[in-house]
């Protein structure tokens, strides 16, 4: 399990990523019933959606606590968490 400092770093990084997708992005996806492809791709490319995948398979090899910090911050930002959760 990560230290409190590591978890804080994960939380802050996810927060910054989420903040780059403003309200207009989410409203447009809601209006068009679109999938947040760019958002999910950026989370994946940043390694946040590979938290639970073992390192030998290309993931981060972290645990449920770290994954919950990622999901908590995604939810807190108002982003579409379902798309992210399905990818973990």
C-alpha atoms as a PDB file:
ATOM      1  CA  UNK A   1       0.000   0.000   0.000  1.00  0.00           C
ATOM      2  CA  UNK A   2       1.171   3.531  -0.761  1.00  0.00           C
ATOM      3  CA  UNK A   3       2.054   6.100   1.863  1.00  0.00           C
ATOM      4  CA  UNK A   4      -0.206   9.061   2.601  1.00  0.00           C
ATOM      5  CA  UNK A   5       2.172  11.211   0.564  1.00  0.00           C
ATOM      6  CA  UNK A   6       1.914   8.859  -2.432  1.00  0.00           C
ATOM      7  CA  UNK A   7      -1.877   8.849  -2.189  1.00  0.00           C
ATOM      8  CA  UNK A   8      -1.901  12.644  -2.020  1.00  0.00           C
ATOM      9  CA  UNK A   9       0.248  12.790  -5.128  1.00  0.00           C
ATOM     10  CA  UNK A  10      -2.096  10.430  -6.982  1.00  0.00           C
ATOM     11  CA  UNK A  11      -5.094  12.481  -5.848  1.00  0.00           C
ATOM     12  CA  UNK A  12      -3.549  15.782  -6.975  1.00  0.00           C
ATOM     13  CA  UNK A  13      -2.464  14.407 -10.360  1.00  0.00           C
ATOM     14  CA  UNK A  14      -5.918  12.992 -11.091  1.00  0.00           C
ATOM     15  CA  UNK A  15      -7.517  16.245  -9.936  1.00  0.00           C
ATOM     16  CA  UNK A  16      -5.399  18.277 -12.358  1.00  0.00           C
ATOM     17  CA  UNK A  17      -6.179  15.919 -15.220  1.00  0.00           C
ATOM     18  CA  UNK A  18      -9.917  16.066 -14.482  1.00  0.00           C
ATOM     19  CA  UNK A  19      -9.869  19.859 -14.256  1.00  0.00           C
ATOM     20  CA  UNK A  20      -8.589  20.039 -17.830  1.00  0.00           C
ATOM     21  CA  UNK A  21     -11.983  18.698 -18.969  1.00  0.00           C
ATOM     22  CA  UNK A  22     -14.380  21.504 -18.257  1.00  0.00           C
ATOM     23  CA  UNK A  23     -18.105  21.578 -17.845  1.00  0.00           C
ATOM     24  CA  UNK A  24     -18.650  22.190 -21.567  1.00  0.00           C
ATOM     25  CA  UNK A  25     -16.930  18.884 -22.416  1.00  0.00           C
ATOM     26  CA  UNK A  26     -19.265  16.929 -20.135  1.00  0.00           C
ATOM     27  CA  UNK A  27     -22.399  18.841 -21.138  1.00  0.00           C
ATOM     28  CA  UNK A  28     -21.710  18.173 -24.829  1.00  0.00           C
ATOM     29  CA  UNK A  29     -21.204  14.464 -24.160  1.00  0.00           C
ATOM     30  CA  UNK A  30     -24.409  14.392 -22.150  1.00  0.00           C
ATOM     31  CA  UNK A  31     -26.313  16.213 -24.898  1.00  0.00           C
ATOM     32  CA  UNK A  32     -25.033  13.875 -27.617  1.00  0.00           C
ATOM     33  CA  UNK A  33     -24.984  10.768 -25.424  1.00  0.00           C
ATOM     34  CA  UNK A  34     -21.324  10.446 -26.275  1.00  0.00           C
ATOM     35  CA  UNK A  35     -18.560   8.427 -24.666  1.00  0.00           C
ATOM     36  CA  UNK A  36     -15.704  10.379 -23.007  1.00  0.00           C
ATOM     37  CA  UNK A  37     -13.043   8.896 -25.284  1.00  0.00           C
ATOM     38  CA  UNK A  38     -10.487  11.687 -24.846  1.00  0.00           C
ATOM     39  CA  UNK A  39     -10.883  11.662 -21.062  1.00  0.00           C
ATOM     40  CA  UNK A  40     -10.568   7.882 -20.767  1.00  0.00           C
ATOM     41  CA  UNK A  41      -7.578   7.863 -23.149  1.00  0.00           C
ATOM     42  CA  UNK A  42      -5.772  10.516 -21.121  1.00  0.00           C
ATOM     43  CA  UNK A  43      -6.434   8.656 -17.857  1.00  0.00           C
ATOM     44  CA  UNK A  44      -5.171   5.457 -19.490  1.00  0.00           C
ATOM     45  CA  UNK A  45      -2.085   7.106 -20.994  1.00  0.00           C
ATOM     46  CA  UNK A  46      -1.321   8.650 -17.590  1.00  0.00           C
ATOM     47  CA  UNK A  47      -1.436   5.194 -16.006  1.00  0.00           C
ATOM     48  CA  UNK A  48      -4.394   5.863 -13.746  1.00  0.00           C
ATOM     49  CA  UNK A  49      -6.632   3.228 -15.310  1.00  0.00           C
ATOM     50  CA  UNK A  50      -3.935   0.578 -15.106  1.00  0.00           C
ATOM     51  CA  UNK A  51      -3.560   0.871 -11.341  1.00  0.00           C
ATOM     52  CA  UNK A  52      -4.961  -2.605 -10.671  1.00  0.00           C
ATOM     53  CA  UNK A  53      -3.159  -4.380 -13.508  1.00  0.00           C
ATOM     54  CA  UNK A  54       0.021  -6.205 -12.415  1.00  0.00           C
ATOM     55  CA  UNK A  55       3.302  -4.701 -13.628  1.00  0.00           C
ATOM     56  CA  UNK A  56       4.205  -7.836 -15.583  1.00  0.00           C
ATOM     57  CA  UNK A  57       1.148  -7.159 -17.765  1.00  0.00           C
ATOM     58  CA  UNK A  58       1.928  -3.483 -18.314  1.00  0.00           C
ATOM     59  CA  UNK A  59       0.018  -2.026 -15.390  1.00  0.00           C
ATOM     60  CA  UNK A  60       1.024  -0.028 -12.354  1.00  0.00           C
ATOM     61  CA  UNK A  61       0.723  -3.001 -10.015  1.00  0.00           C
ATOM     62  CA  UNK A  62      -0.861  -0.991  -7.231  1.00  0.00           C
ATOM     63  CA  UNK A  63      -3.818  -1.906  -5.065  1.00  0.00           C
ATOM     64  CA  UNK A  64      -7.447  -1.223  -4.351  1.00  0.00           C
ATOM     65  CA  UNK A  65      -6.638   1.733  -2.081  1.00  0.00           C
ATOM     66  CA  UNK A  66      -4.819   3.530  -4.888  1.00  0.00           C
ATOM     67  CA  UNK A  67      -7.594   2.681  -7.352  1.00  0.00           C
ATOM     68  CA  UNK A  68     -10.196   4.039  -4.941  1.00  0.00           C
ATOM     69  CA  UNK A  69      -8.262   7.311  -4.667  1.00  0.00           C
ATOM     70  CA  UNK A  70      -8.321   7.611  -8.469  1.00  0.00           C
ATOM     71  CA  UNK A  71     -12.057   6.879  -8.655  1.00  0.00           C
ATOM     72  CA  UNK A  72     -12.863   9.144  -5.710  1.00  0.00           C
ATOM     73  CA  UNK A  73     -11.143  12.062  -7.404  1.00  0.00           C
ATOM     74  CA  UNK A  74     -12.809  11.362 -10.754  1.00  0.00           C
ATOM     75  CA  UNK A  75     -16.204  11.334  -9.010  1.00  0.00           C
ATOM     76  CA  UNK A  76     -15.383  14.416  -6.978  1.00  0.00           C
ATOM     77  CA  UNK A  77     -14.568  16.325 -10.167  1.00  0.00           C
ATOM     78  CA  UNK A  78     -17.964  15.524 -11.663  1.00  0.00           C
ATOM     79  CA  UNK A  79     -16.454  13.485 -14.483  1.00  0.00           C
ATOM     80  CA  UNK A  80     -18.002  10.304 -15.865  1.00  0.00           C
ATOM     81  CA  UNK A  81     -16.754   7.684 -13.412  1.00  0.00           C
ATOM     82  CA  UNK A  82     -18.594   4.734 -14.940  1.00  0.00           C
ATOM     83  CA  UNK A  83     -16.461   4.815 -18.070  1.00  0.00           C
ATOM     84  CA  UNK A  84     -13.319   4.826 -15.929  1.00  0.00           C
ATOM     85  CA  UNK A  85     -14.440   2.131 -13.530  1.00  0.00           C
ATOM     86  CA  UNK A  86     -15.230  -0.205 -16.401  1.00  0.00           C
ATOM     87  CA  UNK A  87     -11.673   0.227 -17.712  1.00  0.00           C
ATOM     88  CA  UNK A  88      -9.930  -0.621 -14.433  1.00  0.00           C
END
